[in-house]
Amino acid sequence: MEMPPNLVQFLLGGQTCVLATVDAQGAPQTNIMTWAVARNPQIIALAVDHRSRALRNIRHEGRVALEVLGDDLCYGLRGKAVVEKETMTSTPFPCALVAVRVEETRNHGAAGVKYVGPSYSFHSGKEHRKGVEEAVFTELKGPAPTI
């Protein structure tokens, strides 16, 4: 299953999505994610905090769901997540690089409905965080293909 081109383009970094995981007792858990990048139509890479329940749940049960919400975009994704890199070098606190292989893509949009997605920005004096975010997105994207 592949994500459509407009969704891949949207997920090049800096967009908010919701990650859903399941704990060992079967209880659902959601997390807001902003460090998410589509590497290609089948893979989304996430920076997941070492201290989070999400990472613990991914290690236990790799099945995940993502809700991706943006202007005129409303997609639900399901897939299998694996820890690809235990500790990222670009994040300001310990995060694992998690790769999600997309197994299902569902467009939740409806004809005649305009969706306006969430966004975020930095407070005055915190603009330096933009550079940190760009470094995280670069690491999530991985090296350029060599073929």
N, C-alpha and C. Protein backbone atom coordinates (compact mmCIF):
# COMPACT_ATOMS: atom_id res chain seq x y z
N MET A 1 0.85 -1.18 0.00
CA MET A 1 0.00 0.00 0.00
C MET A 1 0.89 1.23 0.00
N GLU A 2 0.53 2.20 -0.80
CA GLU A 2 1.30 3.43 -0.88
C GLU A 2 0.46 4.63 -0.48
N MET A 3 1.13 5.61 0.08
CA MET A 3 0.48 6.89 0.35
C MET A 3 0.39 7.66 -0.96
N PRO A 4 -0.67 8.44 -1.16
CA PRO A 4 -0.77 9.24 -2.38
C PRO A 4 0.30 10.34 -2.39
N PRO A 5 0.68 10.80 -3.58
CA PRO A 5 1.74 11.81 -3.69
C PRO A 5 1.50 13.07 -2.86
N ASN A 6 0.26 13.55 -2.78
CA ASN A 6 0.01 14.78 -2.01
C ASN A 6 0.27 14.56 -0.51
N LEU A 7 0.04 13.36 -0.02
CA LEU A 7 0.30 13.06 1.38
C LEU A 7 1.81 12.94 1.64
N VAL A 8 2.52 12.29 0.73
CA VAL A 8 3.98 12.18 0.85
C VAL A 8 4.59 13.58 0.84
N GLN A 9 4.15 14.42 -0.06
CA GLN A 9 4.66 15.80 -0.15
C GLN A 9 4.39 16.56 1.14
N PHE A 10 3.21 16.38 1.69
CA PHE A 10 2.83 17.05 2.94
C PHE A 10 3.72 16.63 4.10
N LEU A 11 4.12 15.37 4.12
CA LEU A 11 4.90 14.82 5.23
C LEU A 11 6.41 14.92 5.01
N LEU A 12 6.86 16.06 4.54
CA LEU A 12 8.30 16.24 4.38
C LEU A 12 8.94 16.85 5.61
N GLY A 13 8.17 17.10 6.65
CA GLY A 13 8.70 17.60 7.92
C GLY A 13 7.97 18.82 8.41
N GLY A 14 7.68 18.83 9.69
CA GLY A 14 7.06 19.99 10.31
C GLY A 14 5.55 19.96 10.37
N GLN A 15 4.96 18.81 10.13
CA GLN A 15 3.51 18.69 10.19
C GLN A 15 3.11 17.88 11.42
N THR A 16 1.98 18.21 11.96
CA THR A 16 1.48 17.53 13.14
C THR A 16 0.66 16.31 12.74
N CYS A 17 0.89 15.20 13.42
CA CYS A 17 0.05 14.02 13.23
C CYS A 17 -0.15 13.35 14.59
N VAL A 18 -1.08 12.44 14.64
CA VAL A 18 -1.38 11.72 15.88
C VAL A 18 -0.98 10.26 15.68
N LEU A 19 -0.13 9.76 16.59
CA LEU A 19 0.32 8.38 16.58
C LEU A 19 -0.48 7.61 17.61
N ALA A 20 -1.05 6.48 17.21
CA ALA A 20 -1.77 5.60 18.13
C ALA A 20 -1.01 4.29 18.26
N THR A 21 -0.83 3.86 19.51
CA THR A 21 -0.18 2.59 19.81
C THR A 21 -1.07 1.84 20.82
N VAL A 22 -0.68 0.61 21.12
CA VAL A 22 -1.43 -0.21 22.08
C VAL A 22 -0.44 -0.75 23.09
N ASP A 23 -0.79 -0.65 24.40
CA ASP A 23 0.13 -1.15 25.42
C ASP A 23 -0.05 -2.65 25.65
N ALA A 24 0.73 -3.20 26.56
CA ALA A 24 0.74 -4.65 26.79
C ALA A 24 -0.61 -5.17 27.30
N GLN A 25 -1.42 -4.29 27.87
CA GLN A 25 -2.75 -4.70 28.35
C GLN A 25 -3.83 -4.46 27.30
N GLY A 26 -3.44 -3.98 26.13
CA GLY A 26 -4.40 -3.73 25.06
C GLY A 26 -5.04 -2.36 25.09
N ALA A 27 -4.60 -1.49 25.99
CA ALA A 27 -5.17 -0.15 26.08
C ALA A 27 -4.55 0.76 25.01
N PRO A 28 -5.37 1.56 24.34
CA PRO A 28 -4.85 2.47 23.33
C PRO A 28 -4.13 3.67 23.96
N GLN A 29 -3.19 4.21 23.23
CA GLN A 29 -2.42 5.37 23.66
C GLN A 29 -2.21 6.25 22.44
N THR A 30 -2.41 7.56 22.58
CA THR A 30 -2.15 8.47 21.48
C THR A 30 -1.08 9.48 21.87
N ASN A 31 -0.33 9.93 20.87
CA ASN A 31 0.70 10.93 21.05
C ASN A 31 0.69 11.88 19.86
N ILE A 32 0.85 13.16 20.14
CA ILE A 32 1.04 14.14 19.08
C ILE A 32 2.49 14.03 18.61
N MET A 33 2.68 13.95 17.31
CA MET A 33 4.02 13.86 16.73
C MET A 33 4.22 15.02 15.76
N THR A 34 5.34 15.71 15.87
CA THR A 34 5.68 16.72 14.88
C THR A 34 6.95 16.35 14.13
N TRP A 35 7.71 15.43 14.68
CA TRP A 35 8.92 14.97 14.00
C TRP A 35 8.58 13.71 13.21
N ALA A 36 7.95 13.94 12.08
CA ALA A 36 7.51 12.86 11.19
C ALA A 36 7.85 13.25 9.76
N VAL A 37 8.43 12.30 9.02
CA VAL A 37 8.85 12.54 7.64
C VAL A 37 8.51 11.33 6.79
N ALA A 38 7.88 11.56 5.64
CA ALA A 38 7.68 10.48 4.67
C ALA A 38 8.97 10.35 3.87
N ARG A 39 9.59 9.18 3.96
CA ARG A 39 10.80 8.93 3.17
C ARG A 39 10.45 8.61 1.73
N ASN A 40 9.33 7.96 1.56
CA ASN A 40 8.84 7.56 0.25
C ASN A 40 7.37 7.18 0.44
N PRO A 41 6.67 6.71 -0.58
CA PRO A 41 5.24 6.40 -0.43
C PRO A 41 4.91 5.23 0.51
N GLN A 42 5.91 4.49 0.97
CA GLN A 42 5.65 3.36 1.85
C GLN A 42 6.17 3.53 3.28
N ILE A 43 7.07 4.49 3.53
CA ILE A 43 7.73 4.60 4.82
C ILE A 43 7.61 6.00 5.41
N ILE A 44 7.20 6.05 6.69
CA ILE A 44 7.23 7.29 7.46
C ILE A 44 8.22 7.07 8.60
N ALA A 45 9.11 8.02 8.79
CA ALA A 45 10.08 7.96 9.89
C ALA A 45 9.65 8.95 10.97
N LEU A 46 9.75 8.51 12.23
CA LEU A 46 9.35 9.31 13.39
C LEU A 46 10.49 9.39 14.39
N ALA A 47 10.60 10.51 15.07
CA ALA A 47 11.49 10.63 16.22
C ALA A 47 10.62 10.44 17.45
N VAL A 48 10.86 9.37 18.21
CA VAL A 48 10.01 9.03 19.35
C VAL A 48 10.84 9.10 20.63
N ASP A 49 10.38 9.90 21.56
CA ASP A 49 11.04 10.14 22.84
C ASP A 49 11.28 8.82 23.59
N HIS A 50 12.49 8.65 24.08
CA HIS A 50 12.84 7.44 24.85
C HIS A 50 11.95 7.25 26.07
N ARG A 51 11.48 8.35 26.66
CA ARG A 51 10.69 8.28 27.90
C ARG A 51 9.21 8.00 27.65
N SER A 52 8.81 7.94 26.41
CA SER A 52 7.38 7.87 26.09
C SER A 52 6.79 6.47 26.17
N ARG A 53 5.50 6.44 26.44
CA ARG A 53 4.76 5.19 26.37
C ARG A 53 4.73 4.68 24.93
N ALA A 54 4.71 5.62 24.00
CA ALA A 54 4.65 5.22 22.59
C ALA A 54 5.82 4.32 22.22
N LEU A 55 7.02 4.68 22.63
CA LEU A 55 8.19 3.86 22.29
C LEU A 55 8.10 2.50 22.99
N ARG A 56 7.71 2.51 24.23
CA ARG A 56 7.54 1.24 24.95
C ARG A 56 6.52 0.35 24.23
N ASN A 57 5.41 0.95 23.78
CA ASN A 57 4.38 0.19 23.08
C ASN A 57 4.85 -0.32 21.72
N ILE A 58 5.63 0.49 21.01
CA ILE A 58 6.17 0.07 19.71
C ILE A 58 7.10 -1.13 19.90
N ARG A 59 7.89 -1.09 20.94
CA ARG A 59 8.79 -2.22 21.22
C ARG A 59 8.00 -3.49 21.54
N HIS A 60 6.89 -3.33 22.24
CA HIS A 60 6.06 -4.48 22.63
C HIS A 60 5.22 -4.99 21.46
N GLU A 61 4.55 -4.08 20.78
CA GLU A 61 3.61 -4.43 19.71
C GLU A 61 3.77 -3.37 18.63
N GLY A 62 4.40 -3.70 17.55
CA GLY A 62 4.76 -2.72 16.54
C GLY A 62 3.63 -2.18 15.68
N ARG A 63 2.43 -2.68 15.88
CA ARG A 63 1.33 -2.15 15.07
C ARG A 63 0.97 -0.74 15.54
N VAL A 64 0.85 0.19 14.59
CA VAL A 64 0.53 1.58 14.90
C VAL A 64 -0.49 2.10 13.91
N ALA A 65 -1.09 3.22 14.30
CA ALA A 65 -1.96 3.97 13.39
C ALA A 65 -1.53 5.43 13.49
N LEU A 66 -1.68 6.13 12.38
CA LEU A 66 -1.38 7.57 12.34
C LEU A 66 -2.57 8.28 11.73
N GLU A 67 -2.92 9.41 12.31
CA GLU A 67 -3.89 10.30 11.70
C GLU A 67 -3.12 11.52 11.25
N VAL A 68 -3.19 11.81 9.96
CA VAL A 68 -2.47 12.94 9.38
C VAL A 68 -3.51 13.97 8.96
N LEU A 69 -3.39 15.15 9.54
CA LEU A 69 -4.38 16.19 9.35
C LEU A 69 -3.71 17.46 8.83
N GLY A 70 -4.17 17.96 7.70
CA GLY A 70 -3.62 19.18 7.13
C GLY A 70 -4.67 19.86 6.29
N ASP A 71 -4.32 21.00 5.74
CA ASP A 71 -5.27 21.71 4.88
C ASP A 71 -5.68 20.81 3.72
N ASP A 72 -6.96 20.51 3.66
CA ASP A 72 -7.54 19.64 2.63
C ASP A 72 -6.96 18.23 2.64
N LEU A 73 -6.42 17.80 3.78
CA LEU A 73 -5.91 16.43 3.97
C LEU A 73 -6.45 15.86 5.27
N CYS A 74 -6.94 14.65 5.19
CA CYS A 74 -7.40 13.95 6.39
C CYS A 74 -7.25 12.46 6.10
N TYR A 75 -6.11 11.89 6.53
CA TYR A 75 -5.79 10.50 6.22
C TYR A 75 -5.57 9.69 7.49
N GLY A 76 -6.02 8.46 7.45
CA GLY A 76 -5.72 7.49 8.48
C GLY A 76 -4.78 6.45 7.89
N LEU A 77 -3.70 6.16 8.58
CA LEU A 77 -2.71 5.19 8.12
C LEU A 77 -2.54 4.12 9.19
N ARG A 78 -2.30 2.91 8.75
CA ARG A 78 -1.95 1.82 9.67
C ARG A 78 -0.71 1.14 9.13
N GLY A 79 0.10 0.63 10.06
CA GLY A 79 1.30 -0.05 9.61
C GLY A 79 2.06 -0.68 10.74
N LYS A 80 3.26 -1.13 10.40
CA LYS A 80 4.15 -1.81 11.34
C LYS A 80 5.34 -0.91 11.60
N ALA A 81 5.62 -0.66 12.89
CA ALA A 81 6.72 0.22 13.28
C ALA A 81 7.87 -0.60 13.85
N VAL A 82 9.09 -0.20 13.51
CA VAL A 82 10.28 -0.82 14.07
C VAL A 82 11.27 0.28 14.46
N VAL A 83 12.02 0.02 15.52
CA VAL A 83 13.08 0.95 15.91
C VAL A 83 14.23 0.73 14.96
N GLU A 84 14.52 1.73 14.17
CA GLU A 84 15.58 1.63 13.17
C GLU A 84 16.93 2.11 13.73
N LYS A 85 16.86 3.08 14.63
CA LYS A 85 18.07 3.63 15.23
C LYS A 85 17.74 3.94 16.69
N GLU A 86 18.48 3.36 17.59
CA GLU A 86 18.16 3.48 19.02
C GLU A 86 18.20 4.91 19.52
N THR A 87 19.24 5.65 19.16
CA THR A 87 19.36 7.03 19.63
C THR A 87 19.76 7.93 18.48
N MET A 88 18.91 8.92 18.21
CA MET A 88 19.19 9.88 17.15
C MET A 88 20.25 10.87 17.63
N THR A 89 21.00 11.43 16.70
CA THR A 89 22.05 12.39 17.06
C THR A 89 21.57 13.83 17.01
N SER A 90 20.49 14.11 16.30
CA SER A 90 20.06 15.49 16.08
C SER A 90 19.03 16.01 17.07
N THR A 91 18.42 15.15 17.84
CA THR A 91 17.35 15.58 18.74
C THR A 91 17.93 16.18 20.03
N PRO A 92 17.23 17.18 20.61
CA PRO A 92 17.74 17.82 21.82
C PRO A 92 17.54 16.98 23.09
N PHE A 93 16.84 15.88 22.99
CA PHE A 93 16.67 14.91 24.08
C PHE A 93 16.63 13.54 23.44
N PRO A 94 16.89 12.47 24.19
CA PRO A 94 17.01 11.13 23.60
C PRO A 94 15.73 10.66 22.90
N CYS A 95 15.86 10.35 21.63
CA CYS A 95 14.76 9.84 20.81
C CYS A 95 15.27 8.68 19.96
N ALA A 96 14.39 7.74 19.73
CA ALA A 96 14.67 6.65 18.79
C ALA A 96 14.12 7.03 17.43
N LEU A 97 14.80 6.60 16.39
CA LEU A 97 14.28 6.76 15.04
C LEU A 97 13.44 5.52 14.74
N VAL A 98 12.15 5.74 14.55
CA VAL A 98 11.20 4.67 14.30
C VAL A 98 10.72 4.76 12.86
N ALA A 99 10.80 3.67 12.13
CA ALA A 99 10.30 3.61 10.76
C ALA A 99 8.98 2.85 10.74
N VAL A 100 7.98 3.43 10.09
CA VAL A 100 6.67 2.80 9.96
C VAL A 100 6.46 2.41 8.50
N ARG A 101 6.27 1.12 8.26
CA ARG A 101 5.92 0.66 6.92
C ARG A 101 4.40 0.73 6.82
N VAL A 102 3.93 1.59 5.92
CA VAL A 102 2.49 1.82 5.75
C VAL A 102 1.86 0.61 5.08
N GLU A 103 0.84 0.04 5.74
CA GLU A 103 0.13 -1.12 5.21
C GLU A 103 -1.28 -0.78 4.75
N GLU A 104 -1.80 0.34 5.24
CA GLU A 104 -3.15 0.77 4.84
C GLU A 104 -3.22 2.28 4.87
N THR A 105 -3.82 2.85 3.84
CA THR A 105 -4.04 4.30 3.75
C THR A 105 -5.51 4.53 3.48
N ARG A 106 -6.14 5.33 4.32
CA ARG A 106 -7.57 5.65 4.13
C ARG A 106 -7.75 7.15 4.12
N ASN A 107 -8.40 7.64 3.09
CA ASN A 107 -8.71 9.06 3.00
C ASN A 107 -10.01 9.30 3.76
N HIS A 108 -9.93 10.09 4.83
CA HIS A 108 -11.10 10.40 5.64
C HIS A 108 -11.80 11.67 5.18
N GLY A 109 -11.31 12.28 4.10
CA GLY A 109 -11.93 13.49 3.59
C GLY A 109 -13.33 13.21 3.04
N ALA A 110 -14.12 14.26 2.99
CA ALA A 110 -15.49 14.13 2.47
C ALA A 110 -15.75 15.21 1.44
N ALA A 111 -16.43 14.84 0.38
CA ALA A 111 -16.75 15.79 -0.68
C ALA A 111 -17.52 16.97 -0.10
N GLY A 112 -17.11 18.16 -0.49
CA GLY A 112 -17.80 19.36 -0.05
C GLY A 112 -17.38 19.86 1.33
N VAL A 113 -16.43 19.18 1.96
CA VAL A 113 -15.96 19.59 3.28
C VAL A 113 -14.52 20.06 3.15
N LYS A 114 -14.25 21.28 3.61
CA LYS A 114 -12.89 21.81 3.59
C LYS A 114 -12.30 21.63 4.98
N TYR A 115 -11.20 20.92 5.05
CA TYR A 115 -10.54 20.68 6.32
C TYR A 115 -9.36 21.63 6.45
N VAL A 116 -9.22 22.27 7.61
CA VAL A 116 -8.08 23.13 7.91
C VAL A 116 -7.31 22.45 9.03
N GLY A 117 -6.08 22.07 8.72
CA GLY A 117 -5.29 21.28 9.66
C GLY A 117 -4.63 22.10 10.75
N PRO A 118 -4.15 21.40 11.77
CA PRO A 118 -3.43 22.07 12.86
C PRO A 118 -2.05 22.52 12.39
N SER A 119 -1.53 23.50 13.07
CA SER A 119 -0.17 23.95 12.78
C SER A 119 0.46 24.43 14.08
N TYR A 120 1.75 24.64 14.05
CA TYR A 120 2.44 25.16 15.23
C TYR A 120 3.50 26.14 14.79
N SER A 121 3.90 26.99 15.72
CA SER A 121 4.96 27.96 15.47
C SER A 121 5.73 28.16 16.77
N PHE A 122 6.83 28.88 16.69
CA PHE A 122 7.68 29.09 17.85
C PHE A 122 7.44 30.48 18.43
N HIS A 123 7.44 30.58 19.76
CA HIS A 123 7.31 31.86 20.43
C HIS A 123 8.54 32.72 20.14
N SER A 124 8.38 34.01 20.29
CA SER A 124 9.48 34.94 20.12
C SER A 124 10.63 34.53 21.04
N GLY A 125 11.84 34.52 20.51
CA GLY A 125 13.00 34.11 21.28
C GLY A 125 13.32 32.63 21.17
N LYS A 126 12.44 31.87 20.55
CA LYS A 126 12.65 30.42 20.41
C LYS A 126 12.84 30.02 18.94
N GLU A 127 13.12 31.00 18.09
CA GLU A 127 13.28 30.74 16.67
C GLU A 127 14.42 29.76 16.37
N HIS A 128 15.40 29.65 17.28
CA HIS A 128 16.52 28.73 17.08
C HIS A 128 16.05 27.28 16.98
N ARG A 129 14.88 27.00 17.50
CA ARG A 129 14.36 25.63 17.43
C ARG A 129 14.08 25.20 15.99
N LYS A 130 13.87 26.14 15.12
CA LYS A 130 13.64 25.81 13.70
C LYS A 130 14.86 25.08 13.13
N GLY A 131 16.06 25.53 13.48
CA GLY A 131 17.28 24.85 13.01
C GLY A 131 17.40 23.44 13.57
N VAL A 132 17.01 23.25 14.82
CA VAL A 132 17.02 21.92 15.43
C VAL A 132 16.05 21.02 14.68
N GLU A 133 14.86 21.54 14.42
CA GLU A 133 13.86 20.74 13.71
C GLU A 133 14.35 20.33 12.32
N GLU A 134 14.98 21.24 11.60
CA GLU A 134 15.48 20.91 10.27
C GLU A 134 16.54 19.81 10.35
N ALA A 135 17.39 19.83 11.37
CA ALA A 135 18.39 18.77 11.55
C ALA A 135 17.71 17.43 11.84
N VAL A 136 16.65 17.45 12.65
CA VAL A 136 15.91 16.22 12.95
C VAL A 136 15.28 15.67 11.67
N PHE A 137 14.64 16.54 10.88
CA PHE A 137 14.01 16.08 9.64
C PHE A 137 15.04 15.49 8.68
N THR A 138 16.21 16.08 8.60
CA THR A 138 17.27 15.55 7.74
C THR A 138 17.69 14.16 8.20
N GLU A 139 17.83 13.97 9.52
CA GLU A 139 18.21 12.65 10.03
C GLU A 139 17.10 11.62 9.77
N LEU A 140 15.86 12.03 9.94
CA LEU A 140 14.74 11.12 9.70
C LEU A 140 14.68 10.68 8.23
N LYS A 141 14.99 11.58 7.32
CA LYS A 141 14.93 11.25 5.89
C LYS A 141 15.97 10.22 5.51
N GLY A 142 17.07 10.18 6.25
CA GLY A 142 18.12 9.20 5.97
C GLY A 142 18.99 9.63 4.81
N PRO A 143 19.99 8.82 4.52
CA PRO A 143 20.90 9.15 3.42
C PRO A 143 20.18 9.05 2.06
N ALA A 144 20.66 9.82 1.13
CA ALA A 144 20.11 9.78 -0.22
C ALA A 144 20.42 8.41 -0.85
N PRO A 145 19.50 7.89 -1.66
CA PRO A 145 19.78 6.60 -2.33
C PRO A 145 21.05 6.70 -3.18
N THR A 146 21.77 5.62 -3.26
CA THR A 146 23.03 5.61 -4.01
C THR A 146 22.89 4.92 -5.36
N ILE A 147 21.71 4.49 -5.73
CA ILE A 147 21.54 3.81 -7.02
C ILE A 147 21.07 4.78 -8.08
